[in-house]
Amino acid sequence: MDRAQRRDPGRAVSGKRIKVVLAKPGLDGHDQGAKVVVRALMDAGLEVVYTGLRQTPEQVARIALEEDADVIALSSMAGAHLPFCRKLKPLLEANGLADKLWMIGGNIPRQDHDELRALGFRGVFPTGAKLDDIVNYIRENAA
């Protein structure tokens, strides 16, 4: 960690504050866990934009672009994460967001982790992941 990061651990190596867009995809109405993650990220000094419930792939891509996000994170508890991520990937790429850190957390079965990573969601955090692990992963991997 360089001197600027020690003073403000919410900043990337570039000195820019790390900005995370966290979205709740599809019809998933369970957002308590997402709110806990949002608070942990904010407490760690990261800038967080929480989109709220029932976002479409198009909305997530648009918000990430408009907000100039460094990290695009999804919180999924409803089991529709694979179809959603398959639709979101080309939208993120078409909007020039392929170089951003893509993450997903929530009710993500182990058998889906490899496919999610193959789609570009490098950070996969199933239910029960430690908040410090999520924060550290973002700090280490955000552009």
N, C-alpha and C. Protein backbone atom coordinates (compact mmCIF):
# COMPACT_ATOMS: atom_id res chain seq x y z
N MET A 1 0.85 -1.17 0.00
CA MET A 1 0.00 0.00 0.00
C MET A 1 0.90 1.24 0.00
N ASP A 2 0.64 2.16 -0.91
CA ASP A 2 1.47 3.37 -0.96
C ASP A 2 0.98 4.39 0.08
N ARG A 3 1.68 5.51 0.19
CA ARG A 3 1.39 6.52 1.21
C ARG A 3 -0.04 7.06 1.09
N ALA A 4 -0.49 7.36 -0.15
CA ALA A 4 -1.84 7.90 -0.34
C ALA A 4 -2.90 6.89 0.10
N GLN A 5 -2.67 5.61 -0.18
CA GLN A 5 -3.63 4.60 0.22
C GLN A 5 -3.67 4.42 1.74
N ARG A 6 -2.52 4.60 2.41
CA ARG A 6 -2.52 4.51 3.87
C ARG A 6 -3.34 5.65 4.47
N ARG A 7 -3.24 6.84 3.86
CA ARG A 7 -4.03 7.98 4.34
C ARG A 7 -5.52 7.79 4.04
N ASP A 8 -5.82 7.25 2.88
CA ASP A 8 -7.21 7.06 2.46
C ASP A 8 -7.33 5.72 1.75
N PRO A 9 -7.62 4.65 2.49
CA PRO A 9 -7.66 3.31 1.89
C PRO A 9 -8.78 3.11 0.89
N GLY A 10 -9.67 4.08 0.70
CA GLY A 10 -10.72 3.99 -0.30
C GLY A 10 -10.26 4.41 -1.68
N ARG A 11 -9.00 4.80 -1.79
CA ARG A 11 -8.46 5.24 -3.08
C ARG A 11 -7.67 4.13 -3.74
N ALA A 12 -7.76 4.11 -5.07
CA ALA A 12 -6.96 3.18 -5.86
C ALA A 12 -5.53 3.68 -5.92
N VAL A 13 -4.65 2.88 -6.46
CA VAL A 13 -3.25 3.27 -6.60
C VAL A 13 -3.13 4.58 -7.36
N SER A 14 -4.03 4.83 -8.32
CA SER A 14 -4.01 6.05 -9.12
C SER A 14 -4.31 7.30 -8.29
N GLY A 15 -4.81 7.12 -7.08
CA GLY A 15 -5.18 8.25 -6.24
C GLY A 15 -6.66 8.59 -6.31
N LYS A 16 -7.36 8.03 -7.27
CA LYS A 16 -8.80 8.26 -7.44
C LYS A 16 -9.57 7.38 -6.46
N ARG A 17 -10.61 7.95 -5.86
CA ARG A 17 -11.45 7.14 -4.96
C ARG A 17 -12.12 6.03 -5.77
N ILE A 18 -12.11 4.83 -5.24
CA ILE A 18 -12.72 3.68 -5.91
C ILE A 18 -14.24 3.83 -5.84
N LYS A 19 -14.88 3.75 -7.01
CA LYS A 19 -16.33 3.91 -7.09
C LYS A 19 -16.97 2.57 -7.46
N VAL A 20 -17.91 2.14 -6.64
CA VAL A 20 -18.60 0.86 -6.81
C VAL A 20 -20.06 1.13 -7.11
N VAL A 21 -20.57 0.53 -8.19
CA VAL A 21 -22.01 0.50 -8.43
C VAL A 21 -22.48 -0.88 -8.04
N LEU A 22 -23.39 -0.94 -7.07
CA LEU A 22 -23.93 -2.22 -6.59
C LEU A 22 -25.40 -2.28 -6.96
N ALA A 23 -25.78 -3.33 -7.69
CA ALA A 23 -27.15 -3.45 -8.20
C ALA A 23 -27.80 -4.75 -7.73
N LYS A 24 -29.10 -4.69 -7.60
CA LYS A 24 -29.92 -5.87 -7.33
C LYS A 24 -30.62 -6.24 -8.63
N PRO A 25 -30.22 -7.36 -9.24
CA PRO A 25 -30.75 -7.71 -10.56
C PRO A 25 -32.14 -8.34 -10.54
N GLY A 26 -32.86 -8.10 -11.62
CA GLY A 26 -34.09 -8.80 -11.90
C GLY A 26 -35.16 -8.63 -10.84
N LEU A 27 -35.89 -9.70 -10.60
CA LEU A 27 -37.02 -9.66 -9.68
C LEU A 27 -36.64 -9.92 -8.24
N ASP A 28 -35.35 -10.00 -7.97
CA ASP A 28 -34.85 -10.24 -6.62
C ASP A 28 -35.28 -9.11 -5.70
N GLY A 29 -36.05 -9.43 -4.68
CA GLY A 29 -36.54 -8.42 -3.75
C GLY A 29 -35.87 -8.47 -2.39
N HIS A 30 -34.81 -9.26 -2.27
CA HIS A 30 -34.10 -9.42 -1.00
C HIS A 30 -32.87 -8.53 -1.00
N ASP A 31 -32.93 -7.41 -0.29
CA ASP A 31 -31.81 -6.47 -0.37
C ASP A 31 -31.12 -6.20 0.96
N GLN A 32 -31.48 -6.91 2.02
CA GLN A 32 -30.84 -6.65 3.31
C GLN A 32 -29.34 -6.92 3.25
N GLY A 33 -28.93 -8.02 2.64
CA GLY A 33 -27.50 -8.33 2.51
C GLY A 33 -26.77 -7.30 1.67
N ALA A 34 -27.40 -6.84 0.60
CA ALA A 34 -26.78 -5.82 -0.25
C ALA A 34 -26.56 -4.54 0.55
N LYS A 35 -27.50 -4.18 1.39
CA LYS A 35 -27.37 -2.97 2.20
C LYS A 35 -26.24 -3.10 3.22
N VAL A 36 -26.06 -4.31 3.74
CA VAL A 36 -24.95 -4.54 4.67
C VAL A 36 -23.62 -4.38 3.93
N VAL A 37 -23.53 -4.92 2.72
CA VAL A 37 -22.31 -4.78 1.92
C VAL A 37 -22.07 -3.32 1.57
N VAL A 38 -23.10 -2.61 1.16
CA VAL A 38 -22.97 -1.18 0.83
C VAL A 38 -22.38 -0.43 2.03
N ARG A 39 -22.91 -0.65 3.21
CA ARG A 39 -22.43 0.04 4.41
C ARG A 39 -20.97 -0.32 4.70
N ALA A 40 -20.60 -1.59 4.54
CA ALA A 40 -19.21 -2.01 4.78
C ALA A 40 -18.27 -1.33 3.79
N LEU A 41 -18.67 -1.24 2.53
CA LEU A 41 -17.83 -0.58 1.52
C LEU A 41 -17.68 0.90 1.82
N MET A 42 -18.77 1.54 2.21
CA MET A 42 -18.71 2.96 2.56
C MET A 42 -17.83 3.18 3.79
N ASP A 43 -17.98 2.31 4.79
CA ASP A 43 -17.16 2.42 6.01
C ASP A 43 -15.69 2.23 5.70
N ALA A 44 -15.38 1.48 4.63
CA ALA A 44 -14.00 1.26 4.22
C ALA A 44 -13.45 2.40 3.36
N GLY A 45 -14.29 3.42 3.12
CA GLY A 45 -13.82 4.59 2.38
C GLY A 45 -14.08 4.56 0.89
N LEU A 46 -14.82 3.55 0.41
CA LEU A 46 -15.14 3.47 -1.01
C LEU A 46 -16.38 4.31 -1.29
N GLU A 47 -16.47 4.82 -2.50
CA GLU A 47 -17.68 5.52 -2.94
C GLU A 47 -18.62 4.48 -3.50
N VAL A 48 -19.87 4.47 -3.05
CA VAL A 48 -20.82 3.44 -3.46
C VAL A 48 -22.10 4.07 -3.98
N VAL A 49 -22.55 3.57 -5.13
CA VAL A 49 -23.85 3.93 -5.69
C VAL A 49 -24.69 2.65 -5.64
N TYR A 50 -25.73 2.66 -4.81
CA TYR A 50 -26.61 1.50 -4.72
C TYR A 50 -27.83 1.78 -5.59
N THR A 51 -28.08 0.90 -6.56
CA THR A 51 -29.14 1.15 -7.54
C THR A 51 -30.53 0.84 -7.02
N GLY A 52 -30.62 0.06 -5.97
CA GLY A 52 -31.92 -0.37 -5.49
C GLY A 52 -32.35 -1.67 -6.17
N LEU A 53 -33.58 -2.04 -5.91
CA LEU A 53 -34.13 -3.33 -6.35
C LEU A 53 -34.55 -3.36 -7.82
N ARG A 54 -34.60 -4.57 -8.34
CA ARG A 54 -35.25 -4.91 -9.62
C ARG A 54 -34.66 -4.19 -10.83
N GLN A 55 -33.35 -4.21 -10.93
CA GLN A 55 -32.67 -3.57 -12.05
C GLN A 55 -32.58 -4.52 -13.25
N THR A 56 -32.71 -3.97 -14.44
CA THR A 56 -32.53 -4.74 -15.66
C THR A 56 -31.05 -4.68 -16.06
N PRO A 57 -30.62 -5.58 -16.93
CA PRO A 57 -29.23 -5.49 -17.41
C PRO A 57 -28.94 -4.14 -18.05
N GLU A 58 -29.90 -3.62 -18.81
CA GLU A 58 -29.72 -2.32 -19.46
C GLU A 58 -29.54 -1.20 -18.44
N GLN A 59 -30.31 -1.25 -17.36
CA GLN A 59 -30.19 -0.23 -16.32
C GLN A 59 -28.84 -0.30 -15.62
N VAL A 60 -28.39 -1.51 -15.32
CA VAL A 60 -27.10 -1.67 -14.65
C VAL A 60 -25.98 -1.12 -15.52
N ALA A 61 -25.98 -1.46 -16.80
CA ALA A 61 -24.94 -0.98 -17.71
C ALA A 61 -24.98 0.54 -17.83
N ARG A 62 -26.17 1.12 -17.95
CA ARG A 62 -26.31 2.57 -18.09
C ARG A 62 -25.83 3.29 -16.84
N ILE A 63 -26.23 2.80 -15.67
CA ILE A 63 -25.82 3.44 -14.42
C ILE A 63 -24.31 3.33 -14.25
N ALA A 64 -23.74 2.17 -14.52
CA ALA A 64 -22.29 2.00 -14.39
C ALA A 64 -21.54 2.96 -15.30
N LEU A 65 -22.04 3.15 -16.51
CA LEU A 65 -21.42 4.09 -17.46
C LEU A 65 -21.58 5.53 -16.97
N GLU A 66 -22.79 5.91 -16.61
CA GLU A 66 -23.05 7.28 -16.16
C GLU A 66 -22.26 7.64 -14.91
N GLU A 67 -22.08 6.67 -14.02
CA GLU A 67 -21.40 6.92 -12.75
C GLU A 67 -19.89 6.77 -12.86
N ASP A 68 -19.40 6.34 -14.03
CA ASP A 68 -17.96 6.11 -14.23
C ASP A 68 -17.43 5.16 -13.15
N ALA A 69 -18.11 4.04 -13.01
CA ALA A 69 -17.79 3.06 -11.96
C ALA A 69 -16.46 2.35 -12.24
N ASP A 70 -15.73 2.08 -11.18
CA ASP A 70 -14.53 1.24 -11.25
C ASP A 70 -14.91 -0.21 -11.04
N VAL A 71 -15.99 -0.43 -10.29
CA VAL A 71 -16.45 -1.76 -9.93
C VAL A 71 -17.94 -1.85 -10.20
N ILE A 72 -18.35 -2.94 -10.87
CA ILE A 72 -19.76 -3.21 -11.12
C ILE A 72 -20.07 -4.48 -10.36
N ALA A 73 -20.91 -4.35 -9.33
CA ALA A 73 -21.20 -5.46 -8.44
C ALA A 73 -22.69 -5.76 -8.44
N LEU A 74 -22.99 -7.04 -8.40
CA LEU A 74 -24.38 -7.49 -8.32
C LEU A 74 -24.57 -8.27 -7.03
N SER A 75 -25.75 -8.15 -6.45
CA SER A 75 -26.13 -8.94 -5.29
C SER A 75 -27.38 -9.72 -5.68
N SER A 76 -27.24 -11.04 -5.77
CA SER A 76 -28.33 -11.86 -6.27
C SER A 76 -28.70 -12.95 -5.27
N MET A 77 -29.96 -12.96 -4.90
CA MET A 77 -30.46 -13.99 -3.98
C MET A 77 -31.55 -14.84 -4.61
N ALA A 78 -31.97 -14.51 -5.83
CA ALA A 78 -33.15 -15.14 -6.41
C ALA A 78 -32.85 -16.30 -7.36
N GLY A 79 -31.59 -16.59 -7.62
CA GLY A 79 -31.25 -17.73 -8.47
C GLY A 79 -31.23 -17.45 -9.96
N ALA A 80 -31.40 -16.21 -10.38
CA ALA A 80 -31.41 -15.87 -11.80
C ALA A 80 -30.10 -15.21 -12.23
N HIS A 81 -29.04 -15.44 -11.48
CA HIS A 81 -27.77 -14.75 -11.73
C HIS A 81 -27.14 -15.11 -13.06
N LEU A 82 -27.20 -16.37 -13.49
CA LEU A 82 -26.56 -16.73 -14.76
C LEU A 82 -27.24 -16.08 -15.96
N PRO A 83 -28.56 -16.18 -16.13
CA PRO A 83 -29.18 -15.51 -17.27
C PRO A 83 -28.96 -14.00 -17.24
N PHE A 84 -29.01 -13.41 -16.05
CA PHE A 84 -28.80 -11.96 -15.93
C PHE A 84 -27.39 -11.60 -16.37
N CYS A 85 -26.41 -12.32 -15.88
CA CYS A 85 -25.01 -12.02 -16.22
C CYS A 85 -24.72 -12.27 -17.69
N ARG A 86 -25.37 -13.27 -18.27
CA ARG A 86 -25.20 -13.53 -19.72
C ARG A 86 -25.74 -12.36 -20.54
N LYS A 87 -26.80 -11.71 -20.07
CA LYS A 87 -27.35 -10.54 -20.77
C LYS A 87 -26.54 -9.28 -20.48
N LEU A 88 -26.01 -9.19 -19.28
CA LEU A 88 -25.27 -7.99 -18.88
C LEU A 88 -23.90 -7.90 -19.54
N LYS A 89 -23.22 -9.00 -19.69
CA LYS A 89 -21.86 -8.98 -20.24
C LYS A 89 -21.75 -8.21 -21.55
N PRO A 90 -22.54 -8.52 -22.60
CA PRO A 90 -22.38 -7.78 -23.85
C PRO A 90 -22.73 -6.30 -23.73
N LEU A 91 -23.63 -5.97 -22.80
CA LEU A 91 -23.97 -4.56 -22.59
C LEU A 91 -22.81 -3.80 -21.94
N LEU A 92 -22.16 -4.43 -20.99
CA LEU A 92 -20.99 -3.79 -20.37
C LEU A 92 -19.88 -3.61 -21.39
N GLU A 93 -19.66 -4.63 -22.19
CA GLU A 93 -18.61 -4.56 -23.22
C GLU A 93 -18.94 -3.47 -24.25
N ALA A 94 -20.19 -3.41 -24.69
CA ALA A 94 -20.60 -2.42 -25.69
C ALA A 94 -20.48 -0.98 -25.17
N ASN A 95 -20.55 -0.83 -23.85
CA ASN A 95 -20.44 0.50 -23.24
C ASN A 95 -19.02 0.82 -22.78
N GLY A 96 -18.05 0.02 -23.21
CA GLY A 96 -16.66 0.28 -22.85
C GLY A 96 -16.32 0.00 -21.41
N LEU A 97 -17.03 -0.91 -20.78
CA LEU A 97 -16.83 -1.21 -19.37
C LEU A 97 -16.16 -2.57 -19.14
N ALA A 98 -15.58 -3.13 -20.19
CA ALA A 98 -14.95 -4.45 -20.07
C ALA A 98 -13.73 -4.43 -19.16
N ASP A 99 -13.10 -3.27 -19.02
CA ASP A 99 -11.89 -3.17 -18.20
C ASP A 99 -12.18 -2.91 -16.73
N LYS A 100 -13.45 -2.79 -16.37
CA LYS A 100 -13.83 -2.57 -14.98
C LYS A 100 -13.87 -3.90 -14.23
N LEU A 101 -13.85 -3.84 -12.93
CA LEU A 101 -13.95 -5.04 -12.11
C LEU A 101 -15.42 -5.41 -11.97
N TRP A 102 -15.76 -6.62 -12.42
CA TRP A 102 -17.13 -7.12 -12.32
C TRP A 102 -17.17 -8.14 -11.19
N MET A 103 -18.17 -8.02 -10.32
CA MET A 103 -18.31 -8.90 -9.16
C MET A 103 -19.76 -9.30 -8.97
N ILE A 104 -19.93 -10.42 -8.27
CA ILE A 104 -21.28 -10.85 -7.91
C ILE A 104 -21.22 -11.56 -6.57
N GLY A 105 -22.26 -11.36 -5.79
CA GLY A 105 -22.35 -12.03 -4.50
C GLY A 105 -23.78 -12.41 -4.21
N GLY A 106 -23.93 -13.23 -3.20
CA GLY A 106 -25.27 -13.64 -2.78
C GLY A 106 -25.42 -15.15 -2.82
N ASN A 107 -26.60 -15.58 -3.17
CA ASN A 107 -26.93 -17.00 -3.22
C ASN A 107 -26.41 -17.59 -4.53
N ILE A 108 -25.10 -17.83 -4.57
CA ILE A 108 -24.43 -18.28 -5.79
C ILE A 108 -23.90 -19.69 -5.56
N PRO A 109 -24.54 -20.71 -6.14
CA PRO A 109 -24.06 -22.08 -5.94
C PRO A 109 -22.66 -22.28 -6.52
N ARG A 110 -21.87 -23.11 -5.84
CA ARG A 110 -20.49 -23.37 -6.24
C ARG A 110 -20.39 -23.79 -7.71
N GLN A 111 -21.35 -24.57 -8.20
CA GLN A 111 -21.27 -25.06 -9.59
C GLN A 111 -21.41 -23.93 -10.61
N ASP A 112 -21.82 -22.74 -10.19
CA ASP A 112 -21.96 -21.60 -11.11
C ASP A 112 -20.74 -20.67 -11.11
N HIS A 113 -19.84 -20.84 -10.16
CA HIS A 113 -18.70 -19.92 -10.02
C HIS A 113 -17.84 -19.87 -11.27
N ASP A 114 -17.50 -21.02 -11.84
CA ASP A 114 -16.62 -21.04 -13.02
C ASP A 114 -17.27 -20.34 -14.21
N GLU A 115 -18.56 -20.58 -14.44
CA GLU A 115 -19.22 -19.91 -15.56
C GLU A 115 -19.28 -18.40 -15.35
N LEU A 116 -19.55 -17.98 -14.13
CA LEU A 116 -19.57 -16.54 -13.84
C LEU A 116 -18.21 -15.91 -14.10
N ARG A 117 -17.15 -16.60 -13.68
CA ARG A 117 -15.80 -16.08 -13.93
C ARG A 117 -15.50 -16.06 -15.43
N ALA A 118 -15.96 -17.08 -16.15
CA ALA A 118 -15.75 -17.11 -17.61
C ALA A 118 -16.50 -15.96 -18.30
N LEU A 119 -17.60 -15.54 -17.72
CA LEU A 119 -18.36 -14.40 -18.26
C LEU A 119 -17.68 -13.07 -17.95
N GLY A 120 -16.71 -13.08 -17.04
CA GLY A 120 -16.00 -11.85 -16.68
C GLY A 120 -16.22 -11.38 -15.26
N PHE A 121 -17.05 -12.07 -14.51
CA PHE A 121 -17.29 -11.72 -13.11
C PHE A 121 -16.20 -12.38 -12.27
N ARG A 122 -15.08 -11.67 -12.16
CA ARG A 122 -13.90 -12.25 -11.51
C ARG A 122 -14.10 -12.45 -10.02
N GLY A 123 -14.80 -11.56 -9.38
CA GLY A 123 -15.05 -11.69 -7.95
C GLY A 123 -16.39 -12.35 -7.72
N VAL A 124 -16.37 -13.54 -7.13
CA VAL A 124 -17.60 -14.27 -6.82
C VAL A 124 -17.60 -14.51 -5.32
N PHE A 125 -18.61 -13.96 -4.64
CA PHE A 125 -18.68 -14.02 -3.19
C PHE A 125 -20.02 -14.60 -2.75
N PRO A 126 -20.05 -15.89 -2.45
CA PRO A 126 -21.31 -16.50 -2.03
C PRO A 126 -21.75 -16.00 -0.65
N THR A 127 -23.01 -16.27 -0.32
CA THR A 127 -23.56 -15.91 0.98
C THR A 127 -22.61 -16.38 2.07
N GLY A 128 -22.37 -15.50 3.02
CA GLY A 128 -21.48 -15.84 4.13
C GLY A 128 -20.05 -15.35 3.94
N ALA A 129 -19.76 -14.77 2.77
CA ALA A 129 -18.42 -14.22 2.55
C ALA A 129 -18.15 -13.12 3.57
N LYS A 130 -16.92 -13.02 3.98
CA LYS A 130 -16.54 -12.00 4.96
C LYS A 130 -16.47 -10.62 4.29
N LEU A 131 -17.01 -9.63 4.96
CA LEU A 131 -17.02 -8.28 4.41
C LEU A 131 -15.60 -7.77 4.17
N ASP A 132 -14.67 -8.07 5.07
CA ASP A 132 -13.28 -7.66 4.87
C ASP A 132 -12.69 -8.28 3.60
N ASP A 133 -13.08 -9.52 3.29
CA ASP A 133 -12.58 -10.16 2.07
C ASP A 133 -13.08 -9.43 0.83
N ILE A 134 -14.33 -8.99 0.86
CA ILE A 134 -14.90 -8.25 -0.27
C ILE A 134 -14.17 -6.92 -0.44
N VAL A 135 -14.01 -6.19 0.65
CA VAL A 135 -13.33 -4.89 0.62
C VAL A 135 -11.90 -5.06 0.11
N ASN A 136 -11.18 -6.02 0.66
CA ASN A 136 -9.78 -6.23 0.25
C ASN A 136 -9.68 -6.64 -1.21
N TYR A 137 -10.62 -7.47 -1.68
CA TYR A 137 -10.61 -7.89 -3.08
C TYR A 137 -10.77 -6.67 -3.99
N ILE A 138 -11.69 -5.79 -3.64
CA ILE A 138 -11.89 -4.58 -4.45
C ILE A 138 -10.64 -3.71 -4.43
N ARG A 139 -10.09 -3.48 -3.26
CA ARG A 139 -8.88 -2.65 -3.17
C ARG A 139 -7.73 -3.22 -4.01
N GLU A 140 -7.61 -4.54 -4.01
CA GLU A 140 -6.50 -5.17 -4.73
C GLU A 140 -6.73 -5.28 -6.24
N ASN A 141 -7.99 -5.26 -6.67
CA ASN A 141 -8.29 -5.56 -8.07
C ASN A 141 -8.94 -4.44 -8.86
N ALA A 142 -9.41 -3.39 -8.20
CA ALA A 142 -10.03 -2.28 -8.93
C ALA A 142 -8.95 -1.50 -9.68
N ALA A 143 -9.30 -1.07 -10.87
CA ALA A 143 -8.31 -0.37 -11.70
C ALA A 143 -7.87 0.92 -11.06
